[in-house]
Amino acid sequence: AQDAPPALTDDVLTVVSELVSNAVRHA
């Protein structure tokens, strides 16, 4: 919705995946 470039989107999705999966798995 904010027209983020694909490279930024990929990086954000990687960070989201890491943080959420670690919260579920370890916290």
mmCIF file of all heavy atoms, coordinates in Angstrom:
data_MODEL
# 
_entry.id   MODEL 
# 
loop_
_atom_site.group_PDB 
_atom_site.id 
_atom_site.type_symbol 
_atom_site.label_atom_id 
_atom_site.label_alt_id 
_atom_site.label_comp_id 
_atom_site.label_asym_id 
_atom_site.label_entity_id 
_atom_site.label_seq_id 
_atom_site.pdbx_PDB_ins_code 
_atom_site.Cartn_x 
_atom_site.Cartn_y 
_atom_site.Cartn_z 
_atom_site.occupancy 
_atom_site.B_iso_or_equiv 
_atom_site.pdbx_formal_charge 
_atom_site.auth_seq_id 
_atom_site.auth_comp_id 
_atom_site.auth_asym_id 
_atom_site.auth_atom_id 
_atom_site.pdbx_PDB_model_num 
ATOM 1   N N   . ALA A 1 1  ? 0.825  -1.214  0.000  1.00 0.00 ? 1  ALA A N   1 
ATOM 2   C CA  . ALA A 1 1  ? 0.000  0.000   0.000  1.00 0.00 ? 1  ALA A CA  1 
ATOM 3   C C   . ALA A 1 1  ? 0.856  1.259   0.000  1.00 0.00 ? 1  ALA A C   1 
ATOM 4   O O   . ALA A 1 1  ? 0.398  2.322   -0.436 1.00 0.00 ? 1  ALA A O   1 
ATOM 5   C CB  . ALA A 1 1  ? -0.932 -0.004  1.212  1.00 0.00 ? 1  ALA A CB  1 
ATOM 6   N N   . GLN A 1 2  ? 2.090  1.136   0.454  1.00 0.00 ? 2  GLN A N   1 
ATOM 7   C CA  . GLN A 1 2  ? 2.998  2.282   0.506  1.00 0.00 ? 2  GLN A CA  1 
ATOM 8   C C   . GLN A 1 2  ? 4.007  2.284   -0.641 1.00 0.00 ? 2  GLN A C   1 
ATOM 9   O O   . GLN A 1 2  ? 4.946  3.081   -0.642 1.00 0.00 ? 2  GLN A O   1 
ATOM 10  C CB  . GLN A 1 2  ? 3.733  2.298   1.851  1.00 0.00 ? 2  GLN A CB  1 
ATOM 11  C CG  . GLN A 1 2  ? 2.822  2.342   3.049  1.00 0.00 ? 2  GLN A CG  1 
ATOM 12  C CD  . GLN A 1 2  ? 1.857  3.508   3.004  1.00 0.00 ? 2  GLN A CD  1 
ATOM 13  O OE1 . GLN A 1 2  ? 2.214  4.600   2.591  1.00 0.00 ? 2  GLN A OE1 1 
ATOM 14  N NE2 . GLN A 1 2  ? 0.623  3.277   3.407  1.00 0.00 ? 2  GLN A NE2 1 
ATOM 15  N N   . ASP A 1 3  ? 3.829  1.368   -1.604 1.00 0.00 ? 3  ASP A N   1 
ATOM 16  C CA  . ASP A 1 3  ? 4.730  1.275   -2.762 1.00 0.00 ? 3  ASP A CA  1 
ATOM 17  C C   . ASP A 1 3  ? 6.190  1.058   -2.371 1.00 0.00 ? 3  ASP A C   1 
ATOM 18  O O   . ASP A 1 3  ? 7.105  1.617   -2.968 1.00 0.00 ? 3  ASP A O   1 
ATOM 19  C CB  . ASP A 1 3  ? 4.615  2.511   -3.657 1.00 0.00 ? 3  ASP A CB  1 
ATOM 20  C CG  . ASP A 1 3  ? 3.231  2.670   -4.251 1.00 0.00 ? 3  ASP A CG  1 
ATOM 21  O OD1 . ASP A 1 3  ? 2.630  1.641   -4.619 1.00 0.00 ? 3  ASP A OD1 1 
ATOM 22  O OD2 . ASP A 1 3  ? 2.748  3.815   -4.333 1.00 0.00 ? 3  ASP A OD2 1 
ATOM 23  N N   . ALA A 1 4  ? 6.410  0.236   -1.364 1.00 0.00 ? 4  ALA A N   1 
ATOM 24  C CA  . ALA A 1 4  ? 7.776  -0.074  -0.941 1.00 0.00 ? 4  ALA A CA  1 
ATOM 25  C C   . ALA A 1 4  ? 8.485  -0.845  -2.043 1.00 0.00 ? 4  ALA A C   1 
ATOM 26  O O   . ALA A 1 4  ? 7.883  -1.701  -2.699 1.00 0.00 ? 4  ALA A O   1 
ATOM 27  C CB  . ALA A 1 4  ? 7.757  -0.888  0.344  1.00 0.00 ? 4  ALA A CB  1 
ATOM 28  N N   . PRO A 1 5  ? 9.750  -0.581  -2.274 1.00 0.00 ? 5  PRO A N   1 
ATOM 29  C CA  . PRO A 1 5  ? 10.499 -1.320  -3.294 1.00 0.00 ? 5  PRO A CA  1 
ATOM 30  C C   . PRO A 1 5  ? 10.649 -2.790  -2.901 1.00 0.00 ? 5  PRO A C   1 
ATOM 31  O O   . PRO A 1 5  ? 10.662 -3.125  -1.709 1.00 0.00 ? 5  PRO A O   1 
ATOM 32  C CB  . PRO A 1 5  ? 11.844 -0.613  -3.350 1.00 0.00 ? 5  PRO A CB  1 
ATOM 33  C CG  . PRO A 1 5  ? 11.959 0.142   -2.081 1.00 0.00 ? 5  PRO A CG  1 
ATOM 34  C CD  . PRO A 1 5  ? 10.572 0.426   -1.601 1.00 0.00 ? 5  PRO A CD  1 
ATOM 35  N N   . PRO A 1 6  ? 10.778 -3.661  -3.889 1.00 0.00 ? 6  PRO A N   1 
ATOM 36  C CA  . PRO A 1 6  ? 10.874 -5.099  -3.614 1.00 0.00 ? 6  PRO A CA  1 
ATOM 37  C C   . PRO A 1 6  ? 12.015 -5.481  -2.667 1.00 0.00 ? 6  PRO A C   1 
ATOM 38  O O   . PRO A 1 6  ? 11.832 -6.343  -1.803 1.00 0.00 ? 6  PRO A O   1 
ATOM 39  C CB  . PRO A 1 6  ? 11.080 -5.725  -5.000 1.00 0.00 ? 6  PRO A CB  1 
ATOM 40  C CG  . PRO A 1 6  ? 10.481 -4.741  -5.942 1.00 0.00 ? 6  PRO A CG  1 
ATOM 41  C CD  . PRO A 1 6  ? 10.727 -3.391  -5.327 1.00 0.00 ? 6  PRO A CD  1 
ATOM 42  N N   . ALA A 1 7  ? 13.177 -4.863  -2.786 1.00 0.00 ? 7  ALA A N   1 
ATOM 43  C CA  . ALA A 1 7  ? 14.304 -5.230  -1.918 1.00 0.00 ? 7  ALA A CA  1 
ATOM 44  C C   . ALA A 1 7  ? 13.997 -4.895  -0.460 1.00 0.00 ? 7  ALA A C   1 
ATOM 45  O O   . ALA A 1 7  ? 14.303 -5.678  0.445  1.00 0.00 ? 7  ALA A O   1 
ATOM 46  C CB  . ALA A 1 7  ? 15.581 -4.530  -2.364 1.00 0.00 ? 7  ALA A CB  1 
ATOM 47  N N   . LEU A 1 8  ? 13.373 -3.743  -0.210 1.00 0.00 ? 8  LEU A N   1 
ATOM 48  C CA  . LEU A 1 8  ? 12.996 -3.369  1.151  1.00 0.00 ? 8  LEU A CA  1 
ATOM 49  C C   . LEU A 1 8  ? 11.924 -4.324  1.671  1.00 0.00 ? 8  LEU A C   1 
ATOM 50  O O   . LEU A 1 8  ? 11.987 -4.782  2.813  1.00 0.00 ? 8  LEU A O   1 
ATOM 51  C CB  . LEU A 1 8  ? 12.500 -1.928  1.201  1.00 0.00 ? 8  LEU A CB  1 
ATOM 52  C CG  . LEU A 1 8  ? 11.994 -1.439  2.567  1.00 0.00 ? 8  LEU A CG  1 
ATOM 53  C CD1 . LEU A 1 8  ? 13.083 -1.535  3.633  1.00 0.00 ? 8  LEU A CD1 1 
ATOM 54  C CD2 . LEU A 1 8  ? 11.469 -0.014  2.440  1.00 0.00 ? 8  LEU A CD2 1 
ATOM 55  N N   . THR A 1 9  ? 10.956 -4.647  0.826  1.00 0.00 ? 9  THR A N   1 
ATOM 56  C CA  . THR A 1 9  ? 9.903  -5.593  1.221  1.00 0.00 ? 9  THR A CA  1 
ATOM 57  C C   . THR A 1 9  ? 10.510 -6.934  1.615  1.00 0.00 ? 9  THR A C   1 
ATOM 58  O O   . THR A 1 9  ? 10.152 -7.505  2.653  1.00 0.00 ? 9  THR A O   1 
ATOM 59  C CB  . THR A 1 9  ? 8.876  -5.759  0.090  1.00 0.00 ? 9  THR A CB  1 
ATOM 60  O OG1 . THR A 1 9  ? 8.252  -4.490  -0.153 1.00 0.00 ? 9  THR A OG1 1 
ATOM 61  C CG2 . THR A 1 9  ? 7.817  -6.790  0.435  1.00 0.00 ? 9  THR A CG2 1 
ATOM 62  N N   . ASP A 1 10 ? 11.438 -7.433  0.814  1.00 0.00 ? 10 ASP A N   1 
ATOM 63  C CA  . ASP A 1 10 ? 12.093 -8.708  1.136  1.00 0.00 ? 10 ASP A CA  1 
ATOM 64  C C   . ASP A 1 10 ? 12.797 -8.647  2.490  1.00 0.00 ? 10 ASP A C   1 
ATOM 65  O O   . ASP A 1 10 ? 12.698 -9.576  3.293  1.00 0.00 ? 10 ASP A O   1 
ATOM 66  C CB  . ASP A 1 10 ? 13.099 -9.095  0.051  1.00 0.00 ? 10 ASP A CB  1 
ATOM 67  C CG  . ASP A 1 10 ? 12.447 -9.508  -1.251 1.00 0.00 ? 10 ASP A CG  1 
ATOM 68  O OD1 . ASP A 1 10 ? 11.218 -9.765  -1.272 1.00 0.00 ? 10 ASP A OD1 1 
ATOM 69  O OD2 . ASP A 1 10 ? 13.171 -9.561  -2.270 1.00 0.00 ? 10 ASP A OD2 1 
ATOM 70  N N   . ASP A 1 11 ? 13.514 -7.547  2.739  1.00 0.00 ? 11 ASP A N   1 
ATOM 71  C CA  . ASP A 1 11 ? 14.231 -7.413  4.007  1.00 0.00 ? 11 ASP A CA  1 
ATOM 72  C C   . ASP A 1 11 ? 13.263 -7.348  5.187  1.00 0.00 ? 11 ASP A C   1 
ATOM 73  O O   . ASP A 1 11 ? 13.488 -7.988  6.214  1.00 0.00 ? 11 ASP A O   1 
ATOM 74  C CB  . ASP A 1 11 ? 15.119 -6.173  3.992  1.00 0.00 ? 11 ASP A CB  1 
ATOM 75  C CG  . ASP A 1 11 ? 16.325 -6.315  3.080  1.00 0.00 ? 11 ASP A CG  1 
ATOM 76  O OD1 . ASP A 1 11 ? 16.590 -7.436  2.582  1.00 0.00 ? 11 ASP A OD1 1 
ATOM 77  O OD2 . ASP A 1 11 ? 17.006 -5.290  2.855  1.00 0.00 ? 11 ASP A OD2 1 
ATOM 78  N N   . VAL A 1 12 ? 12.183 -6.580  5.043  1.00 0.00 ? 12 VAL A N   1 
ATOM 79  C CA  . VAL A 1 12 ? 11.195 -6.479  6.122  1.00 0.00 ? 12 VAL A CA  1 
ATOM 80  C C   . VAL A 1 12 ? 10.567 -7.846  6.384  1.00 0.00 ? 12 VAL A C   1 
ATOM 81  O O   . VAL A 1 12 ? 10.412 -8.258  7.538  1.00 0.00 ? 12 VAL A O   1 
ATOM 82  C CB  . VAL A 1 12 ? 10.115 -5.420  5.795  1.00 0.00 ? 12 VAL A CB  1 
ATOM 83  C CG1 . VAL A 1 12 ? 8.958  -5.490  6.790  1.00 0.00 ? 12 VAL A CG1 1 
ATOM 84  C CG2 . VAL A 1 12 ? 10.722 -4.021  5.781  1.00 0.00 ? 12 VAL A CG2 1 
ATOM 85  N N   . LEU A 1 13 ? 10.210 -8.573  5.339  1.00 0.00 ? 13 LEU A N   1 
ATOM 86  C CA  . LEU A 1 13 ? 9.597  -9.888  5.520  1.00 0.00 ? 13 LEU A CA  1 
ATOM 87  C C   . LEU A 1 13 ? 10.557 -10.873 6.190  1.00 0.00 ? 13 LEU A C   1 
ATOM 88  O O   . LEU A 1 13 ? 10.135 -11.712 6.989  1.00 0.00 ? 13 LEU A O   1 
ATOM 89  C CB  . LEU A 1 13 ? 9.092  -10.429 4.182  1.00 0.00 ? 13 LEU A CB  1 
ATOM 90  C CG  . LEU A 1 13 ? 7.958  -9.633  3.541  1.00 0.00 ? 13 LEU A CG  1 
ATOM 91  C CD1 . LEU A 1 13 ? 7.581  -10.235 2.196  1.00 0.00 ? 13 LEU A CD1 1 
ATOM 92  C CD2 . LEU A 1 13 ? 6.756  -9.538  4.460  1.00 0.00 ? 13 LEU A CD2 1 
ATOM 93  N N   . THR A 1 14 ? 11.837 -10.752 5.896  1.00 0.00 ? 14 THR A N   1 
ATOM 94  C CA  . THR A 1 14 ? 12.834 -11.597 6.565  1.00 0.00 ? 14 THR A CA  1 
ATOM 95  C C   . THR A 1 14 ? 12.881 -11.283 8.056  1.00 0.00 ? 14 THR A C   1 
ATOM 96  O O   . THR A 1 14 ? 12.875 -12.192 8.900  1.00 0.00 ? 14 THR A O   1 
ATOM 97  C CB  . THR A 1 14 ? 14.223 -11.413 5.926  1.00 0.00 ? 14 THR A CB  1 
ATOM 98  O OG1 . THR A 1 14 ? 14.155 -11.820 4.552  1.00 0.00 ? 14 THR A OG1 1 
ATOM 99  C CG2 . THR A 1 14 ? 15.290 -12.217 6.650  1.00 0.00 ? 14 THR A CG2 1 
ATOM 100 N N   . VAL A 1 15 ? 12.911 -9.994  8.394  1.00 0.00 ? 15 VAL A N   1 
ATOM 101 C CA  . VAL A 1 15 ? 12.943 -9.586  9.803  1.00 0.00 ? 15 VAL A CA  1 
ATOM 102 C C   . VAL A 1 15 ? 11.672 -10.051 10.510 1.00 0.00 ? 15 VAL A C   1 
ATOM 103 O O   . VAL A 1 15 ? 11.725 -10.587 11.621 1.00 0.00 ? 15 VAL A O   1 
ATOM 104 C CB  . VAL A 1 15 ? 13.154 -8.061  9.926  1.00 0.00 ? 15 VAL A CB  1 
ATOM 105 C CG1 . VAL A 1 15 ? 12.897 -7.578  11.345 1.00 0.00 ? 15 VAL A CG1 1 
ATOM 106 C CG2 . VAL A 1 15 ? 14.565 -7.693  9.481  1.00 0.00 ? 15 VAL A CG2 1 
ATOM 107 N N   . VAL A 1 16 ? 10.521 -9.853  9.880  1.00 0.00 ? 16 VAL A N   1 
ATOM 108 C CA  . VAL A 1 16 ? 9.251  -10.302 10.469 1.00 0.00 ? 16 VAL A CA  1 
ATOM 109 C C   . VAL A 1 16 ? 9.296  -11.802 10.728 1.00 0.00 ? 16 VAL A C   1 
ATOM 110 O O   . VAL A 1 16 ? 8.951  -12.271 11.821 1.00 0.00 ? 16 VAL A O   1 
ATOM 111 C CB  . VAL A 1 16 ? 8.060  -9.930  9.557  1.00 0.00 ? 16 VAL A CB  1 
ATOM 112 C CG1 . VAL A 1 16 ? 6.786  -10.678 9.959  1.00 0.00 ? 16 VAL A CG1 1 
ATOM 113 C CG2 . VAL A 1 16 ? 7.823  -8.424  9.575  1.00 0.00 ? 16 VAL A CG2 1 
ATOM 114 N N   . SER A 1 17 ? 9.732  -12.567 9.744  1.00 0.00 ? 17 SER A N   1 
ATOM 115 C CA  . SER A 1 17 ? 9.800  -14.034 9.892  1.00 0.00 ? 17 SER A CA  1 
ATOM 116 C C   . SER A 1 17 ? 10.691 -14.437 11.056 1.00 0.00 ? 17 SER A C   1 
ATOM 117 O O   . SER A 1 17 ? 10.321 -15.301 11.861 1.00 0.00 ? 17 SER A O   1 
ATOM 118 C CB  . SER A 1 17 ? 10.319 -14.678 8.611  1.00 0.00 ? 17 SER A CB  1 
ATOM 119 O OG  . SER A 1 17 ? 9.412  -14.508 7.569  1.00 0.00 ? 17 SER A OG  1 
ATOM 120 N N   . GLU A 1 18 ? 11.866 -13.831 11.144 1.00 0.00 ? 18 GLU A N   1 
ATOM 121 C CA  . GLU A 1 18 ? 12.808 -14.189 12.212 1.00 0.00 ? 18 GLU A CA  1 
ATOM 122 C C   . GLU A 1 18 ? 12.259 -13.836 13.587 1.00 0.00 ? 18 GLU A C   1 
ATOM 123 O O   . GLU A 1 18 ? 12.306 -14.652 14.511 1.00 0.00 ? 18 GLU A O   1 
ATOM 124 C CB  . GLU A 1 18 ? 14.160 -13.500 11.990 1.00 0.00 ? 18 GLU A CB  1 
ATOM 125 C CG  . GLU A 1 18 ? 14.931 -14.019 10.803 1.00 0.00 ? 18 GLU A CG  1 
ATOM 126 C CD  . GLU A 1 18 ? 15.358 -15.471 10.940 1.00 0.00 ? 18 GLU A CD  1 
ATOM 127 O OE1 . GLU A 1 18 ? 15.421 -16.009 12.071 1.00 0.00 ? 18 GLU A OE1 1 
ATOM 128 O OE2 . GLU A 1 18 ? 15.615 -16.097 9.903  1.00 0.00 ? 18 GLU A OE2 1 
ATOM 129 N N   . LEU A 1 19 ? 11.723 -12.618 13.732 1.00 0.00 ? 19 LEU A N   1 
ATOM 130 C CA  . LEU A 1 19 ? 11.255 -12.187 15.042 1.00 0.00 ? 19 LEU A CA  1 
ATOM 131 C C   . LEU A 1 19 ? 10.015 -12.961 15.496 1.00 0.00 ? 19 LEU A C   1 
ATOM 132 O O   . LEU A 1 19 ? 9.923  -13.372 16.655 1.00 0.00 ? 19 LEU A O   1 
ATOM 133 C CB  . LEU A 1 19 ? 10.982 -10.685 15.044 1.00 0.00 ? 19 LEU A CB  1 
ATOM 134 C CG  . LEU A 1 19 ? 12.215 -9.788  14.883 1.00 0.00 ? 19 LEU A CG  1 
ATOM 135 C CD1 . LEU A 1 19 ? 11.804 -8.323  14.888 1.00 0.00 ? 19 LEU A CD1 1 
ATOM 136 C CD2 . LEU A 1 19 ? 13.258 -10.070 15.943 1.00 0.00 ? 19 LEU A CD2 1 
ATOM 137 N N   . VAL A 1 20 ? 9.071  -13.163 14.587 1.00 0.00 ? 20 VAL A N   1 
ATOM 138 C CA  . VAL A 1 20 ? 7.845  -13.874 14.965 1.00 0.00 ? 20 VAL A CA  1 
ATOM 139 C C   . VAL A 1 20 ? 8.141  -15.346 15.231 1.00 0.00 ? 20 VAL A C   1 
ATOM 140 O O   . VAL A 1 20 ? 7.668  -15.906 16.231 1.00 0.00 ? 20 VAL A O   1 
ATOM 141 C CB  . VAL A 1 20 ? 6.744  -13.686 13.898 1.00 0.00 ? 20 VAL A CB  1 
ATOM 142 C CG1 . VAL A 1 20 ? 5.550  -14.597 14.168 1.00 0.00 ? 20 VAL A CG1 1 
ATOM 143 C CG2 . VAL A 1 20 ? 6.298  -12.223 13.852 1.00 0.00 ? 20 VAL A CG2 1 
ATOM 144 N N   . SER A 1 21 ? 8.934  -15.979 14.386 1.00 0.00 ? 21 SER A N   1 
ATOM 145 C CA  . SER A 1 21 ? 9.227  -17.400 14.618 1.00 0.00 ? 21 SER A CA  1 
ATOM 146 C C   . SER A 1 21 ? 10.003 -17.593 15.917 1.00 0.00 ? 21 SER A C   1 
ATOM 147 O O   . SER A 1 21 ? 9.753  -18.552 16.660 1.00 0.00 ? 21 SER A O   1 
ATOM 148 C CB  . SER A 1 21 ? 9.964  -18.017 13.432 1.00 0.00 ? 21 SER A CB  1 
ATOM 149 O OG  . SER A 1 21 ? 11.246 -17.458 13.279 1.00 0.00 ? 21 SER A OG  1 
ATOM 150 N N   . ASN A 1 22 ? 10.918 -16.686 16.251 1.00 0.00 ? 22 ASN A N   1 
ATOM 151 C CA  . ASN A 1 22 ? 11.649 -16.803 17.511 1.00 0.00 ? 22 ASN A CA  1 
ATOM 152 C C   . ASN A 1 22 ? 10.731 -16.579 18.705 1.00 0.00 ? 22 ASN A C   1 
ATOM 153 O O   . ASN A 1 22 ? 10.875 -17.246 19.733 1.00 0.00 ? 22 ASN A O   1 
ATOM 154 C CB  . ASN A 1 22 ? 12.830 -15.840 17.546 1.00 0.00 ? 22 ASN A CB  1 
ATOM 155 C CG  . ASN A 1 22 ? 13.986 -16.334 16.708 1.00 0.00 ? 22 ASN A CG  1 
ATOM 156 O OD1 . ASN A 1 22 ? 14.069 -17.511 16.367 1.00 0.00 ? 22 ASN A OD1 1 
ATOM 157 N ND2 . ASN A 1 22 ? 14.882 -15.432 16.358 1.00 0.00 ? 22 ASN A ND2 1 
ATOM 158 N N   . ALA A 1 23 ? 9.776  -15.648 18.587 1.00 0.00 ? 23 ALA A N   1 
ATOM 159 C CA  . ALA A 1 23 ? 8.819  -15.423 19.680 1.00 0.00 ? 23 ALA A CA  1 
ATOM 160 C C   . ALA A 1 23 ? 7.978  -16.673 19.914 1.00 0.00 ? 23 ALA A C   1 
ATOM 161 O O   . ALA A 1 23 ? 7.730  -17.062 21.057 1.00 0.00 ? 23 ALA A O   1 
ATOM 162 C CB  . ALA A 1 23 ? 7.928  -14.222 19.369 1.00 0.00 ? 23 ALA A CB  1 
ATOM 163 N N   . VAL A 1 24 ? 7.566  -17.308 18.831 1.00 0.00 ? 24 VAL A N   1 
ATOM 164 C CA  . VAL A 1 24 ? 6.752  -18.519 18.947 1.00 0.00 ? 24 VAL A CA  1 
ATOM 165 C C   . VAL A 1 24 ? 7.589  -19.674 19.491 1.00 0.00 ? 24 VAL A C   1 
ATOM 166 O O   . VAL A 1 24 ? 7.168  -20.399 20.399 1.00 0.00 ? 24 VAL A O   1 
ATOM 167 C CB  . VAL A 1 24 ? 6.128  -18.880 17.579 1.00 0.00 ? 24 VAL A CB  1 
ATOM 168 C CG1 . VAL A 1 24 ? 5.502  -20.264 17.601 1.00 0.00 ? 24 VAL A CG1 1 
ATOM 169 C CG2 . VAL A 1 24 ? 5.107  -17.824 17.162 1.00 0.00 ? 24 VAL A CG2 1 
ATOM 170 N N   . ARG A 1 25 ? 8.782  -19.840 18.980 1.00 0.00 ? 25 ARG A N   1 
ATOM 171 C CA  . ARG A 1 25 ? 9.624  -20.990 19.323 1.00 0.00 ? 25 ARG A CA  1 
ATOM 172 C C   . ARG A 1 25 ? 10.275 -20.875 20.703 1.00 0.00 ? 25 ARG A C   1 
ATOM 173 O O   . ARG A 1 25 ? 10.406 -21.870 21.416 1.00 0.00 ? 25 ARG A O   1 
ATOM 174 C CB  . ARG A 1 25 ? 10.720 -21.128 18.254 1.00 0.00 ? 25 ARG A CB  1 
ATOM 175 C CG  . ARG A 1 25 ? 11.567 -22.376 18.384 1.00 0.00 ? 25 ARG A CG  1 
ATOM 176 C CD  . ARG A 1 25 ? 12.550 -22.517 17.228 1.00 0.00 ? 25 ARG A CD  1 
ATOM 177 N NE  . ARG A 1 25 ? 11.842 -22.576 15.970 1.00 0.00 ? 25 ARG A NE  1 
ATOM 178 C CZ  . ARG A 1 25 ? 12.159 -21.855 14.880 1.00 0.00 ? 25 ARG A CZ  1 
ATOM 179 N NH1 . ARG A 1 25 ? 13.176 -21.034 14.902 1.00 0.00 ? 25 ARG A NH1 1 
ATOM 180 N NH2 . ARG A 1 25 ? 11.463 -21.973 13.787 1.00 0.00 ? 25 ARG A NH2 1 
ATOM 181 N N   . HIS A 1 26 ? 10.699 -19.654 21.072 1.00 0.00 ? 26 HIS A N   1 
ATOM 182 C CA  . HIS A 1 26 ? 11.531 -19.522 22.271 1.00 0.00 ? 26 HIS A CA  1 
ATOM 183 C C   . HIS A 1 26 ? 10.958 -18.635 23.376 1.00 0.00 ? 26 HIS A C   1 
ATOM 184 O O   . HIS A 1 26 ? 11.545 -18.574 24.447 1.00 0.00 ? 26 HIS A O   1 
ATOM 185 C CB  . HIS A 1 26 ? 12.897 -18.932 21.900 1.00 0.00 ? 26 HIS A CB  1 
ATOM 186 C CG  . HIS A 1 26 ? 13.635 -19.709 20.867 1.00 0.00 ? 26 HIS A CG  1 
ATOM 187 N ND1 . HIS A 1 26 ? 14.127 -20.978 21.091 1.00 0.00 ? 26 HIS A ND1 1 
ATOM 188 C CD2 . HIS A 1 26 ? 13.967 -19.400 19.593 1.00 0.00 ? 26 HIS A CD2 1 
ATOM 189 C CE1 . HIS A 1 26 ? 14.737 -21.407 19.999 1.00 0.00 ? 26 HIS A CE1 1 
ATOM 190 N NE2 . HIS A 1 26 ? 14.649 -20.480 19.078 1.00 0.00 ? 26 HIS A NE2 1 
ATOM 191 N N   . ALA A 1 27 ? 9.867  -17.928 23.118 1.00 0.00 ? 27 ALA A N   1 
ATOM 192 C CA  . ALA A 1 27 ? 9.467  -16.884 24.072 1.00 0.00 ? 27 ALA A CA  1 
ATOM 193 C C   . ALA A 1 27 ? 7.995  -16.918 24.459 1.00 0.00 ? 27 ALA A C   1 
ATOM 194 O O   . ALA A 1 27 ? 7.427  -15.907 24.839 1.00 0.00 ? 27 ALA A O   1 
ATOM 195 C CB  . ALA A 1 27 ? 9.833  -15.518 23.501 1.00 0.00 ? 27 ALA A CB  1 
# 
